[in-house]
Amino acid sequence: MGCLLCACRFIFFVHEPRDISGTVENHAKIIDFPHFSVVREAVDHTYLGSKQYADINVNSSAYRHIMKEWKILDGEKNLPDSIYVQAYETRIDLMRAVIVGSPGTPYHDGLFFFDICLPFHYPNQPPKVHYISHGYKLNPNILQDGRVCLSLINTWKGDKGERWSPKLTILQTLVSIQALVLNDRPYFNNPALAFAKNNTPPEIEGSSIVYNHIAFEQSCKSMISIMRNPPKNFENFVVCHFRARADMILTAARDYEKGRMMVGMIDQDSVEGVHNVLFNIGRIRLELVDAFSPYISEAEAMINMDDNNDDDDDVVVKTKENMKKHKRDWSKFICFAICIWE
């Protein structure tokens, strides 16, 4: 009887397998945007006010190392399909990178922008990295104020072999952020829980699943903010990415909302919290439909809006009104997209 009672404490959710072909692995095929490019000015960069740039000249060690970084990033097939980097002619110490969230993680299809500053003593000093957060905390390592806590760049404690070395590059730093931070189980990025990642008790696994839902919810909010205020020089990238991925993002949001994306066990004590998260995702899904309305058909939007909670009626009305507006303005939007592309 004790075993039966114990077993009843958990609710099982099964993930329905879905075809994720054409996601991050094929991103370069659907987004015609250079993986590495150099533009004229850094207009809205986090580190634009840095005073160190005056000390970097063509004869300095920092200049030579930065040019070496550019060459590595510009190398054929060096950057993964899911990472794009821009540098600046007038501020060679600055870069901006965007990482596309990987399939199988709560960050899939999200866009994560990072501003990078290479200090005067680079590479003896690590790069400064700031996440453009839009006020959302996505991860134990990526905070609401944009701080990136990672031992690799000496912003988090770690063993000597995990910390910055002059032999490391910006490419390795970005790949590490994607693999170590924006991963499939971000709950275990918390050092206090690292011990349980490979041998996870059911109650901790349940907390991890709930955390993934929260991370997806925050990622969706971030998507909406990015669509409304895309980073400078990435406007056309944002348009093309979400036009290509809108349907898959909405499908994922529906799956999360209905509990189909939870794999494993949820402790009964966590059920109320899970329901709250699922309700929030339901509302955010409708906000996504509104934000994606220029990129999806009216039929697709209506399908997503019809499957809503009664409490979401205000969002549905607003979204349907916007769909009518976007339908009228569709030709204007296409012209705008072509203009910024050129």
C-alpha atoms as a PDB file:
ATOM      1  CA  MET A   1       0.000   0.000   0.000  1.00  0.00           C
ATOM      2  CA  GLY A   2       2.873   2.359   0.847  1.00  0.00           C
ATOM      3  CA  CYS A   3       4.362   1.839  -2.615  1.00  0.00           C
ATOM      4  CA  LEU A   4       0.976   2.495  -4.226  1.00  0.00           C
ATOM      5  CA  LEU A   5       0.527   5.749  -2.313  1.00  0.00           C
ATOM      6  CA  CYS A   6       4.047   6.772  -3.280  1.00  0.00           C
ATOM      7  CA  ALA A   7       3.370   6.030  -6.929  1.00  0.00           C
ATOM      8  CA  CYS A   8       0.185   8.097  -6.839  1.00  0.00           C
ATOM      9  CA  ARG A   9       2.151  11.179  -5.860  1.00  0.00           C
ATOM     10  CA  PHE A  10       3.327  11.657  -9.430  1.00  0.00           C
ATOM     11  CA  ILE A  11       1.571  12.688 -12.604  1.00  0.00           C
ATOM     12  CA  PHE A  12       3.040  11.495 -15.871  1.00  0.00           C
ATOM     13  CA  PHE A  13       3.152  13.574 -19.022  1.00  0.00           C
ATOM     14  CA  VAL A  14       4.279  12.168 -22.341  1.00  0.00           C
ATOM     15  CA  HIS A  15       5.834  14.232 -25.071  1.00  0.00           C
ATOM     16  CA  GLU A  16       4.359  13.658 -28.511  1.00  0.00           C
ATOM     17  CA  PRO A  17       7.299  13.403 -30.959  1.00  0.00           C
ATOM     18  CA  ARG A  18       7.280  16.122 -33.573  1.00  0.00           C
ATOM     19  CA  ASP A  19       9.212  16.743 -36.743  1.00  0.00           C
ATOM     20  CA  ILE A  20      11.746  19.462 -36.008  1.00  0.00           C
ATOM     21  CA  SER A  21      13.466  19.324 -39.384  1.00  0.00           C
ATOM     22  CA  GLY A  22      14.229  22.727 -40.755  1.00  0.00           C
ATOM     23  CA  THR A  23      14.925  24.240 -37.325  1.00  0.00           C
ATOM     24  CA  VAL A  24      18.320  25.374 -36.107  1.00  0.00           C
ATOM     25  CA  GLU A  25      20.360  22.882 -38.112  1.00  0.00           C
ATOM     26  CA  ASN A  26      18.952  24.310 -41.360  1.00  0.00           C
ATOM     27  CA  HIS A  27      18.636  27.903 -40.198  1.00  0.00           C
ATOM     28  CA  ALA A  28      21.132  29.214 -42.744  1.00  0.00           C
ATOM     29  CA  LYS A  29      19.014  27.756 -45.557  1.00  0.00           C
ATOM     30  CA  ILE A  30      15.921  29.739 -44.569  1.00  0.00           C
ATOM     31  CA  ILE A  31      17.619  32.954 -43.369  1.00  0.00           C
ATOM     32  CA  ASP A  32      19.697  34.697 -46.023  1.00  0.00           C
ATOM     33  CA  PHE A  33      21.903  36.604 -43.594  1.00  0.00           C
ATOM     34  CA  PRO A  34      25.713  36.456 -43.262  1.00  0.00           C
ATOM     35  CA  HIS A  35      27.005  34.564 -40.254  1.00  0.00           C
ATOM     36  CA  PHE A  36      29.709  37.180 -39.827  1.00  0.00           C
ATOM     37  CA  SER A  37      29.494  40.742 -41.082  1.00  0.00           C
ATOM     38  CA  VAL A  38      31.025  44.142 -40.429  1.00  0.00           C
ATOM     39  CA  VAL A  39      28.775  47.217 -40.356  1.00  0.00           C
ATOM     40  CA  ARG A  40      29.673  50.866 -40.019  1.00  0.00           C
ATOM     41  CA  GLU A  41      28.536  51.973 -36.557  1.00  0.00           C
ATOM     42  CA  ALA A  42      27.447  50.522 -33.217  1.00  0.00           C
ATOM     43  CA  VAL A  43      24.442  52.735 -32.533  1.00  0.00           C
ATOM     44  CA  ASP A  44      22.656  50.984 -29.656  1.00  0.00           C
ATOM     45  CA  HIS A  45      25.426  48.804 -28.205  1.00  0.00           C
ATOM     46  CA  THR A  46      25.568  48.222 -24.433  1.00  0.00           C
ATOM     47  CA  TYR A  47      29.286  49.042 -24.264  1.00  0.00           C
ATOM     48  CA  LEU A  48      29.200  52.041 -26.591  1.00  0.00           C
ATOM     49  CA  GLY A  49      30.325  54.311 -23.745  1.00  0.00           C
ATOM     50  CA  SER A  50      33.447  52.271 -23.010  1.00  0.00           C
ATOM     51  CA  LYS A  51      36.503  54.582 -22.792  1.00  0.00           C
ATOM     52  CA  GLN A  52      39.100  51.953 -23.649  1.00  0.00           C
ATOM     53  CA  TYR A  53      38.746  52.242 -27.419  1.00  0.00           C
ATOM     54  CA  ALA A  54      41.029  55.295 -27.644  1.00  0.00           C
ATOM     55  CA  ASP A  55      43.950  53.093 -26.572  1.00  0.00           C
ATOM     56  CA  ILE A  56      43.419  50.537 -29.357  1.00  0.00           C
ATOM     57  CA  ASN A  57      45.400  51.411 -32.488  1.00  0.00           C
ATOM     58  CA  VAL A  58      46.778  49.443 -35.417  1.00  0.00           C
ATOM     59  CA  ASN A  59      50.072  48.896 -33.610  1.00  0.00           C
ATOM     60  CA  SER A  60      48.556  47.549 -30.393  1.00  0.00           C
ATOM     61  CA  SER A  61      48.424  43.914 -29.379  1.00  0.00           C
ATOM     62  CA  ALA A  62      44.658  44.213 -28.842  1.00  0.00           C
ATOM     63  CA  TYR A  63      44.166  45.319 -32.465  1.00  0.00           C
ATOM     64  CA  ARG A  64      46.078  42.320 -33.805  1.00  0.00           C
ATOM     65  CA  HIS A  65      44.106  39.896 -31.649  1.00  0.00           C
ATOM     66  CA  ILE A  66      40.789  41.462 -32.646  1.00  0.00           C
ATOM     67  CA  MET A  67      41.652  41.132 -36.332  1.00  0.00           C
ATOM     68  CA  LYS A  68      42.514  37.501 -35.645  1.00  0.00           C
ATOM     69  CA  GLU A  69      39.072  37.033 -34.068  1.00  0.00           C
ATOM     70  CA  TRP A  70      37.420  38.543 -37.141  1.00  0.00           C
ATOM     71  CA  LYS A  71      39.293  36.132 -39.362  1.00  0.00           C
ATOM     72  CA  ILE A  72      38.206  33.140 -37.253  1.00  0.00           C
ATOM     73  CA  LEU A  73      34.569  34.254 -37.226  1.00  0.00           C
ATOM     74  CA  ASP A  74      34.628  34.932 -40.959  1.00  0.00           C
ATOM     75  CA  GLY A  75      36.123  31.530 -41.736  1.00  0.00           C
ATOM     76  CA  GLU A  76      33.978  29.266 -43.866  1.00  0.00           C
ATOM     77  CA  LYS A  77      31.791  27.026 -41.689  1.00  0.00           C
ATOM     78  CA  ASN A  78      33.476  28.144 -38.442  1.00  0.00           C
ATOM     79  CA  LEU A  79      30.300  29.603 -36.971  1.00  0.00           C
ATOM     80  CA  PRO A  80      27.454  27.116 -36.406  1.00  0.00           C
ATOM     81  CA  ASP A  81      24.243  27.617 -38.381  1.00  0.00           C
ATOM     82  CA  SER A  82      22.599  28.959 -35.235  1.00  0.00           C
ATOM     83  CA  ILE A  83      25.069  31.762 -34.376  1.00  0.00           C
ATOM     84  CA  TYR A  84      25.468  35.109 -36.150  1.00  0.00           C
ATOM     85  CA  VAL A  85      27.967  37.865 -35.309  1.00  0.00           C
ATOM     86  CA  GLN A  86      28.339  41.495 -36.340  1.00  0.00           C
ATOM     87  CA  ALA A  87      31.420  43.660 -35.816  1.00  0.00           C
ATOM     88  CA  TYR A  88      31.823  47.412 -36.318  1.00  0.00           C
ATOM     89  CA  GLU A  89      34.224  49.433 -38.469  1.00  0.00           C
ATOM     90  CA  THR A  90      34.252  52.418 -36.125  1.00  0.00           C
ATOM     91  CA  ARG A  91      34.445  50.353 -32.910  1.00  0.00           C
ATOM     92  CA  ILE A  92      36.471  47.226 -33.522  1.00  0.00           C
ATOM     93  CA  ASP A  93      36.408  46.423 -29.792  1.00  0.00           C
ATOM     94  CA  LEU A  94      32.647  45.749 -29.953  1.00  0.00           C
ATOM     95  CA  MET A  95      30.589  42.890 -31.375  1.00  0.00           C
ATOM     96  CA  ARG A  96      26.978  41.789 -31.269  1.00  0.00           C
ATOM     97  CA  ALA A  97      25.977  38.135 -31.523  1.00  0.00           C
ATOM     98  CA  VAL A  98      22.647  36.361 -31.809  1.00  0.00           C
ATOM     99  CA  ILE A  99      22.165  32.723 -30.848  1.00  0.00           C
ATOM    100  CA  VAL A 100      19.125  30.837 -32.135  1.00  0.00           C
ATOM    101  CA  GLY A 101      17.707  28.537 -29.456  1.00  0.00           C
ATOM    102  CA  SER A 102      18.386  24.857 -30.116  1.00  0.00           C
ATOM    103  CA  PRO A 103      15.736  22.152 -30.703  1.00  0.00           C
ATOM    104  CA  GLY A 104      15.012  20.036 -27.653  1.00  0.00           C
ATOM    105  CA  THR A 105      15.477  22.960 -25.253  1.00  0.00           C
ATOM    106  CA  PRO A 106      12.921  25.395 -23.790  1.00  0.00           C
ATOM    107  CA  TYR A 107      14.727  28.089 -25.791  1.00  0.00           C
ATOM    108  CA  HIS A 108      14.085  26.578 -29.240  1.00  0.00           C
ATOM    109  CA  ASP A 109      13.514  29.129 -32.007  1.00  0.00           C
ATOM    110  CA  GLY A 110      14.113  32.047 -29.650  1.00  0.00           C
ATOM    111  CA  LEU A 111      16.609  34.775 -30.534  1.00  0.00           C
ATOM    112  CA  PHE A 112      19.165  35.614 -27.858  1.00  0.00           C
ATOM    113  CA  PHE A 113      21.261  38.721 -28.461  1.00  0.00           C
ATOM    114  CA  PHE A 114      24.558  39.350 -26.702  1.00  0.00           C
ATOM    115  CA  ASP A 115      26.691  42.501 -26.749  1.00  0.00           C
ATOM    116  CA  ILE A 116      30.425  41.834 -26.480  1.00  0.00           C
ATOM    117  CA  CYS A 117      33.304  44.138 -25.570  1.00  0.00           C
ATOM    118  CA  LEU A 118      36.942  43.132 -26.033  1.00  0.00           C
ATOM    119  CA  PRO A 119      39.082  44.887 -23.380  1.00  0.00           C
ATOM    120  CA  PHE A 120      42.367  46.628 -24.133  1.00  0.00           C
ATOM    121  CA  HIS A 121      44.325  43.709 -22.649  1.00  0.00           C
ATOM    122  CA  TYR A 122      42.366  41.078 -24.595  1.00  0.00           C
ATOM    123  CA  PRO A 123      42.950  38.109 -24.752  1.00  0.00           C
ATOM    124  CA  ASN A 124      44.789  38.242 -21.418  1.00  0.00           C
ATOM    125  CA  GLN A 125      41.506  39.541 -20.027  1.00  0.00           C
ATOM    126  CA  PRO A 126      38.207  37.830 -20.921  1.00  0.00           C
ATOM    127  CA  PRO A 127      35.588  39.539 -23.088  1.00  0.00           C
ATOM    128  CA  LYS A 128      32.726  41.366 -21.428  1.00  0.00           C
ATOM    129  CA  VAL A 129      29.392  39.839 -22.386  1.00  0.00           C
ATOM    130  CA  HIS A 130      25.951  41.377 -21.807  1.00  0.00           C
ATOM    131  CA  TYR A 131      22.644  39.709 -22.670  1.00  0.00           C
ATOM    132  CA  ILE A 132      19.943  41.985 -24.120  1.00  0.00           C
ATOM    133  CA  SER A 133      17.299  40.720 -21.707  1.00  0.00           C
ATOM    134  CA  HIS A 134      14.286  43.009 -22.281  1.00  0.00           C
ATOM    135  CA  GLY A 135      13.768  42.553 -18.534  1.00  0.00           C
ATOM    136  CA  TYR A 136      13.329  38.750 -18.562  1.00  0.00           C
ATOM    137  CA  LYS A 137      15.377  36.163 -16.687  1.00  0.00           C
ATOM    138  CA  LEU A 138      15.704  33.032 -18.811  1.00  0.00           C
ATOM    139  CA  ASN A 139      18.231  31.015 -16.889  1.00  0.00           C
ATOM    140  CA  PRO A 140      20.225  30.735 -13.627  1.00  0.00           C
ATOM    141  CA  ASN A 141      23.221  31.990 -15.627  1.00  0.00           C
ATOM    142  CA  ILE A 142      21.489  34.809 -17.521  1.00  0.00           C
ATOM    143  CA  LEU A 143      20.024  37.395 -15.194  1.00  0.00           C
ATOM    144  CA  GLN A 144      17.260  39.936 -15.617  1.00  0.00           C
ATOM    145  CA  ASP A 145      19.736  42.823 -15.760  1.00  0.00           C
ATOM    146  CA  GLY A 146      21.660  41.183 -18.616  1.00  0.00           C
ATOM    147  CA  ARG A 147      24.561  39.780 -16.623  1.00  0.00           C
ATOM    148  CA  VAL A 148      25.956  36.512 -17.952  1.00  0.00           C
ATOM    149  CA  CYS A 149      27.311  34.349 -15.125  1.00  0.00           C
ATOM    150  CA  LEU A 150      29.786  31.938 -16.661  1.00  0.00           C
ATOM    151  CA  SER A 151      33.104  30.695 -15.317  1.00  0.00           C
ATOM    152  CA  LEU A 152      34.539  30.761 -18.851  1.00  0.00           C
ATOM    153  CA  ILE A 153      34.482  34.584 -18.837  1.00  0.00           C
ATOM    154  CA  ASN A 154      35.368  34.827 -15.126  1.00  0.00           C
ATOM    155  CA  THR A 155      31.934  36.047 -14.042  1.00  0.00           C
ATOM    156  CA  TRP A 156      31.228  32.886 -12.045  1.00  0.00           C
ATOM    157  CA  LYS A 157      33.342  30.697  -9.830  1.00  0.00           C
ATOM    158  CA  GLY A 158      34.846  27.606 -11.379  1.00  0.00           C
ATOM    159  CA  ASP A 159      37.899  25.386 -11.435  1.00  0.00           C
ATOM    160  CA  LYS A 160      41.052  26.699 -13.071  1.00  0.00           C
ATOM    161  CA  GLY A 161      40.444  24.626 -16.187  1.00  0.00           C
ATOM    162  CA  GLU A 162      36.949  26.130 -16.549  1.00  0.00           C
ATOM    163  CA  ARG A 163      38.051  29.769 -16.429  1.00  0.00           C
ATOM    164  CA  TRP A 164      39.202  32.136 -19.149  1.00  0.00           C
ATOM    165  CA  SER A 165      42.447  31.427 -20.954  1.00  0.00           C
ATOM    166  CA  PRO A 166      44.182  33.650 -23.565  1.00  0.00           C
ATOM    167  CA  LYS A 167      43.984  30.651 -25.903  1.00  0.00           C
ATOM    168  CA  LEU A 168      40.186  30.868 -26.027  1.00  0.00           C
ATOM    169  CA  THR A 169      38.256  32.768 -28.701  1.00  0.00           C
ATOM    170  CA  ILE A 170      34.941  34.570 -29.127  1.00  0.00           C
ATOM    171  CA  LEU A 171      33.744  31.646 -31.229  1.00  0.00           C
ATOM    172  CA  GLN A 172      34.415  29.234 -28.356  1.00  0.00           C
ATOM    173  CA  THR A 173      32.740  31.613 -25.910  1.00  0.00           C
ATOM    174  CA  LEU A 174      29.526  31.780 -27.955  1.00  0.00           C
ATOM    175  CA  VAL A 175      29.415  28.029 -28.547  1.00  0.00           C
ATOM    176  CA  SER A 176      29.872  27.509 -24.797  1.00  0.00           C
ATOM    177  CA  ILE A 177      26.985  29.856 -23.990  1.00  0.00           C
ATOM    178  CA  GLN A 178      24.768  27.911 -26.370  1.00  0.00           C
ATOM    179  CA  ALA A 179      25.798  24.482 -25.073  1.00  0.00           C
ATOM    180  CA  LEU A 180      26.295  25.145 -21.357  1.00  0.00           C
ATOM    181  CA  VAL A 181      23.729  27.864 -20.670  1.00  0.00           C
ATOM    182  CA  LEU A 182      20.900  27.616 -23.225  1.00  0.00           C
ATOM    183  CA  ASN A 183      20.610  23.857 -22.781  1.00  0.00           C
ATOM    184  CA  ASP A 184      17.776  21.349 -22.389  1.00  0.00           C
ATOM    185  CA  ARG A 185      17.852  21.280 -18.553  1.00  0.00           C
ATOM    186  CA  PRO A 186      18.731  24.806 -17.386  1.00  0.00           C
ATOM    187  CA  TYR A 187      17.447  24.122 -13.863  1.00  0.00           C
ATOM    188  CA  PHE A 188      20.664  22.207 -13.203  1.00  0.00           C
ATOM    189  CA  ASN A 189      22.819  25.193 -14.155  1.00  0.00           C
ATOM    190  CA  ASN A 190      22.376  26.128 -10.511  1.00  0.00           C
ATOM    191  CA  PRO A 191      25.625  24.901  -8.873  1.00  0.00           C
ATOM    192  CA  ALA A 192      23.693  23.636  -5.849  1.00  0.00           C
ATOM    193  CA  LEU A 193      21.855  21.165  -8.114  1.00  0.00           C
ATOM    194  CA  ALA A 194      24.717  20.060 -10.347  1.00  0.00           C
ATOM    195  CA  PHE A 195      25.117  16.878  -8.270  1.00  0.00           C
ATOM    196  CA  ALA A 196      21.640  15.690  -9.297  1.00  0.00           C
ATOM    197  CA  LYS A 197      21.839  16.205 -13.062  1.00  0.00           C
ATOM    198  CA  ASN A 198      22.955  12.678 -13.946  1.00  0.00           C
ATOM    199  CA  ASN A 199      21.120  10.863 -11.153  1.00  0.00           C
ATOM    200  CA  THR A 200      18.013  12.924 -10.566  1.00  0.00           C
ATOM    201  CA  PRO A 201      15.491  12.154  -7.793  1.00  0.00           C
ATOM    202  CA  PRO A 202      11.883  12.318  -9.095  1.00  0.00           C
ATOM    203  CA  GLU A 203      10.979  15.400  -7.045  1.00  0.00           C
ATOM    204  CA  ILE A 204      13.945  17.355  -8.438  1.00  0.00           C
ATOM    205  CA  GLU A 205      13.154  16.169 -11.972  1.00  0.00           C
ATOM    206  CA  GLY A 206       9.647  17.541 -11.478  1.00  0.00           C
ATOM    207  CA  SER A 207      11.058  20.922 -10.486  1.00  0.00           C
ATOM    208  CA  SER A 208      13.278  20.847 -13.571  1.00  0.00           C
ATOM    209  CA  ILE A 209      10.262  20.279 -15.820  1.00  0.00           C
ATOM    210  CA  VAL A 210       8.392  23.174 -14.226  1.00  0.00           C
ATOM    211  CA  TYR A 211      11.485  25.359 -14.673  1.00  0.00           C
ATOM    212  CA  ASN A 212      11.585  24.471 -18.383  1.00  0.00           C
ATOM    213  CA  HIS A 213       8.024  25.717 -18.734  1.00  0.00           C
ATOM    214  CA  ILE A 214       8.917  28.969 -17.011  1.00  0.00           C
ATOM    215  CA  ALA A 215      11.990  29.333 -19.245  1.00  0.00           C
ATOM    216  CA  PHE A 216       9.832  28.800 -22.349  1.00  0.00           C
ATOM    217  CA  GLU A 217       7.305  31.340 -21.065  1.00  0.00           C
ATOM    218  CA  GLN A 218      10.059  33.927 -20.540  1.00  0.00           C
ATOM    219  CA  SER A 219      11.555  33.100 -23.933  1.00  0.00           C
ATOM    220  CA  CYS A 220       8.194  33.777 -25.604  1.00  0.00           C
ATOM    221  CA  LYS A 221       7.922  37.133 -23.835  1.00  0.00           C
ATOM    222  CA  SER A 222      11.410  37.940 -25.053  1.00  0.00           C
ATOM    223  CA  MET A 223      10.396  37.057 -28.638  1.00  0.00           C
ATOM    224  CA  ILE A 224       7.535  39.546 -28.472  1.00  0.00           C
ATOM    225  CA  SER A 225       9.846  42.291 -27.180  1.00  0.00           C
ATOM    226  CA  ILE A 226      12.407  41.562 -29.913  1.00  0.00           C
ATOM    227  CA  MET A 227       9.759  41.748 -32.636  1.00  0.00           C
ATOM    228  CA  ARG A 228       8.599  45.105 -31.284  1.00  0.00           C
ATOM    229  CA  ASN A 229      12.107  46.481 -30.807  1.00  0.00           C
ATOM    230  CA  PRO A 230      14.677  44.555 -32.876  1.00  0.00           C
ATOM    231  CA  PRO A 231      18.364  45.362 -32.298  1.00  0.00           C
ATOM    232  CA  LYS A 232      19.899  47.781 -34.780  1.00  0.00           C
ATOM    233  CA  ASN A 233      21.207  46.163 -37.990  1.00  0.00           C
ATOM    234  CA  PHE A 234      19.309  42.935 -37.202  1.00  0.00           C
ATOM    235  CA  GLU A 235      15.843  44.178 -38.194  1.00  0.00           C
ATOM    236  CA  ASN A 236      15.638  42.119 -41.392  1.00  0.00           C
ATOM    237  CA  PHE A 237      17.097  39.086 -39.615  1.00  0.00           C
ATOM    238  CA  VAL A 238      14.330  39.234 -36.993  1.00  0.00           C
ATOM    239  CA  VAL A 239      11.639  39.620 -39.673  1.00  0.00           C
ATOM    240  CA  CYS A 240      12.886  36.658 -41.719  1.00  0.00           C
ATOM    241  CA  HIS A 241      13.459  34.408 -38.706  1.00  0.00           C
ATOM    242  CA  PHE A 242      10.000  34.810 -37.217  1.00  0.00           C
ATOM    243  CA  ARG A 243       8.308  34.691 -40.606  1.00  0.00           C
ATOM    244  CA  ALA A 244       9.951  31.274 -41.134  1.00  0.00           C
ATOM    245  CA  ARG A 245       9.451  29.939 -37.601  1.00  0.00           C
ATOM    246  CA  ALA A 246       6.152  31.475 -36.427  1.00  0.00           C
ATOM    247  CA  ASP A 247       4.058  28.352 -37.059  1.00  0.00           C
ATOM    248  CA  MET A 248       6.495  26.075 -35.198  1.00  0.00           C
ATOM    249  CA  ILE A 249       6.709  28.456 -32.233  1.00  0.00           C
ATOM    250  CA  LEU A 250       2.919  28.614 -31.965  1.00  0.00           C
ATOM    251  CA  THR A 251       2.691  24.819 -32.217  1.00  0.00           C
ATOM    252  CA  ALA A 252       5.216  24.482 -29.390  1.00  0.00           C
ATOM    253  CA  ALA A 253       3.300  27.005 -27.281  1.00  0.00           C
ATOM    254  CA  ARG A 254       0.095  24.989 -27.737  1.00  0.00           C
ATOM    255  CA  ASP A 255       1.928  21.813 -26.744  1.00  0.00           C
ATOM    256  CA  TYR A 256       3.320  23.426 -23.607  1.00  0.00           C
ATOM    257  CA  GLU A 257      -0.077  24.878 -22.740  1.00  0.00           C
ATOM    258  CA  LYS A 258      -1.770  21.483 -23.062  1.00  0.00           C
ATOM    259  CA  GLY A 259       0.931  19.697 -21.064  1.00  0.00           C
ATOM    260  CA  ARG A 260       2.169  17.655 -24.015  1.00  0.00           C
ATOM    261  CA  MET A 261       5.737  18.936 -23.770  1.00  0.00           C
ATOM    262  CA  MET A 262       6.361  17.714 -20.216  1.00  0.00           C
ATOM    263  CA  VAL A 263       8.484  14.603 -20.090  1.00  0.00           C
ATOM    264  CA  GLY A 264       8.870  12.728 -16.824  1.00  0.00           C
ATOM    265  CA  MET A 265       7.164  13.159 -13.484  1.00  0.00           C
ATOM    266  CA  ILE A 266       5.617  16.073 -11.638  1.00  0.00           C
ATOM    267  CA  ASP A 267       5.324  15.903  -7.869  1.00  0.00           C
ATOM    268  CA  GLN A 268       1.688  16.384  -6.778  1.00  0.00           C
ATOM    269  CA  ASP A 269       2.801  19.295  -4.591  1.00  0.00           C
ATOM    270  CA  SER A 270       3.902  21.125  -7.753  1.00  0.00           C
ATOM    271  CA  VAL A 271       0.676  20.652  -9.731  1.00  0.00           C
ATOM    272  CA  GLU A 272      -0.859  24.014  -8.770  1.00  0.00           C
ATOM    273  CA  GLY A 273       2.311  25.806  -9.800  1.00  0.00           C
ATOM    274  CA  VAL A 274       2.338  23.909 -13.096  1.00  0.00           C
ATOM    275  CA  HIS A 275      -1.249  24.909 -13.837  1.00  0.00           C
ATOM    276  CA  ASN A 276      -0.395  28.567 -13.214  1.00  0.00           C
ATOM    277  CA  VAL A 277       2.526  28.346 -15.632  1.00  0.00           C
ATOM    278  CA  LEU A 278       0.384  26.612 -18.266  1.00  0.00           C
ATOM    279  CA  PHE A 279      -2.277  29.314 -17.937  1.00  0.00           C
ATOM    280  CA  ASN A 280       0.377  32.008 -18.403  1.00  0.00           C
ATOM    281  CA  ILE A 281       1.695  30.237 -21.502  1.00  0.00           C
ATOM    282  CA  GLY A 282      -1.867  30.144 -22.856  1.00  0.00           C
ATOM    283  CA  ARG A 283      -2.168  33.916 -22.593  1.00  0.00           C
ATOM    284  CA  ILE A 284       1.303  34.454 -24.023  1.00  0.00           C
ATOM    285  CA  ARG A 285       0.436  32.180 -26.957  1.00  0.00           C
ATOM    286  CA  LEU A 286      -2.366  34.567 -27.879  1.00  0.00           C
ATOM    287  CA  GLU A 287       0.019  37.505 -27.593  1.00  0.00           C
ATOM    288  CA  LEU A 288       2.377  35.618 -29.910  1.00  0.00           C
ATOM    289  CA  VAL A 289      -0.445  35.159 -32.420  1.00  0.00           C
ATOM    290  CA  ASP A 290      -0.947  38.916 -32.342  1.00  0.00           C
ATOM    291  CA  ALA A 291       2.785  39.593 -32.741  1.00  0.00           C
ATOM    292  CA  PHE A 292       3.091  37.002 -35.529  1.00  0.00           C
ATOM    293  CA  SER A 293       0.012  38.238 -37.397  1.00  0.00           C
ATOM    294  CA  PRO A 294       2.080  39.769 -40.242  1.00  0.00           C
ATOM    295  CA  TYR A 295       3.827  36.410 -40.755  1.00  0.00           C
ATOM    296  CA  ILE A 296       0.987  33.870 -40.587  1.00  0.00           C
ATOM    297  CA  SER A 297      -2.261  33.396 -42.469  1.00  0.00           C
ATOM    298  CA  GLU A 298      -5.551  34.561 -41.018  1.00  0.00           C
ATOM    299  CA  ALA A 299      -6.710  30.927 -40.887  1.00  0.00           C
ATOM    300  CA  GLU A 300      -3.690  29.904 -38.802  1.00  0.00           C
ATOM    301  CA  ALA A 301      -4.270  32.796 -36.432  1.00  0.00           C
ATOM    302  CA  MET A 302      -7.942  31.906 -35.957  1.00  0.00           C
ATOM    303  CA  ILE A 303      -7.071  28.263 -35.239  1.00  0.00           C
ATOM    304  CA  ASN A 304      -4.703  29.381 -32.487  1.00  0.00           C
ATOM    305  CA  MET A 305      -7.198  31.867 -31.055  1.00  0.00           C
ATOM    306  CA  ASP A 306     -10.202  29.533 -31.035  1.00  0.00           C
ATOM    307  CA  ASP A 307      -8.521  27.176 -28.545  1.00  0.00           C
ATOM    308  CA  ASN A 308      -8.415  29.681 -25.703  1.00  0.00           C
ATOM    309  CA  ASN A 309      -9.591  30.134 -22.129  1.00  0.00           C
ATOM    310  CA  ASP A 310     -12.643  32.291 -21.381  1.00  0.00           C
ATOM    311  CA  ASP A 311     -10.431  34.643 -19.388  1.00  0.00           C
ATOM    312  CA  ASP A 312      -8.479  35.407 -22.567  1.00  0.00           C
ATOM    313  CA  ASP A 313     -11.401  37.003 -24.427  1.00  0.00           C
ATOM    314  CA  ASP A 314      -9.895  40.485 -24.196  1.00  0.00           C
ATOM    315  CA  VAL A 315      -6.679  39.239 -25.804  1.00  0.00           C
ATOM    316  CA  VAL A 316      -8.607  37.422 -28.548  1.00  0.00           C
ATOM    317  CA  VAL A 317     -10.658  40.512 -29.428  1.00  0.00           C
ATOM    318  CA  LYS A 318      -7.511  42.643 -29.612  1.00  0.00           C
ATOM    319  CA  THR A 319      -5.737  40.030 -31.741  1.00  0.00           C
ATOM    320  CA  LYS A 320      -8.628  39.672 -34.208  1.00  0.00           C
ATOM    321  CA  GLU A 321      -8.745  43.454 -34.607  1.00  0.00           C
ATOM    322  CA  ASN A 322      -5.017  43.487 -35.303  1.00  0.00           C
ATOM    323  CA  MET A 323      -5.384  40.637 -37.807  1.00  0.00           C
ATOM    324  CA  LYS A 324      -7.816  42.798 -39.808  1.00  0.00           C
ATOM    325  CA  LYS A 325      -5.402  45.719 -39.637  1.00  0.00           C
ATOM    326  CA  HIS A 326      -2.427  43.591 -40.710  1.00  0.00           C
ATOM    327  CA  LYS A 327      -4.472  42.167 -43.578  1.00  0.00           C
ATOM    328  CA  ARG A 328      -5.023  45.713 -44.858  1.00  0.00           C
ATOM    329  CA  ASP A 329      -1.389  46.665 -44.299  1.00  0.00           C
ATOM    330  CA  TRP A 330       0.131  43.459 -45.688  1.00  0.00           C
ATOM    331  CA  SER A 331       1.364  45.047 -48.917  1.00  0.00           C
ATOM    332  CA  LYS A 332       2.959  47.882 -46.929  1.00  0.00           C
ATOM    333  CA  PHE A 333       4.719  45.362 -44.701  1.00  0.00           C
ATOM    334  CA  ILE A 334       6.164  43.500 -47.698  1.00  0.00           C
ATOM    335  CA  CYS A 335       7.495  46.749 -49.146  1.00  0.00           C
ATOM    336  CA  PHE A 336       9.038  47.653 -45.783  1.00  0.00           C
ATOM    337  CA  ALA A 337      10.709  44.241 -45.468  1.00  0.00           C
ATOM    338  CA  ILE A 338      12.161  44.536 -48.976  1.00  0.00           C
ATOM    339  CA  CYS A 339      13.475  48.023 -48.239  1.00  0.00           C
ATOM    340  CA  ILE A 340      15.292  47.084 -45.032  1.00  0.00           C
ATOM    341  CA  TRP A 341      16.605  43.925 -46.692  1.00  0.00           C
ATOM    342  CA  GLU A 342      18.226  46.017 -49.411  1.00  0.00           C
END
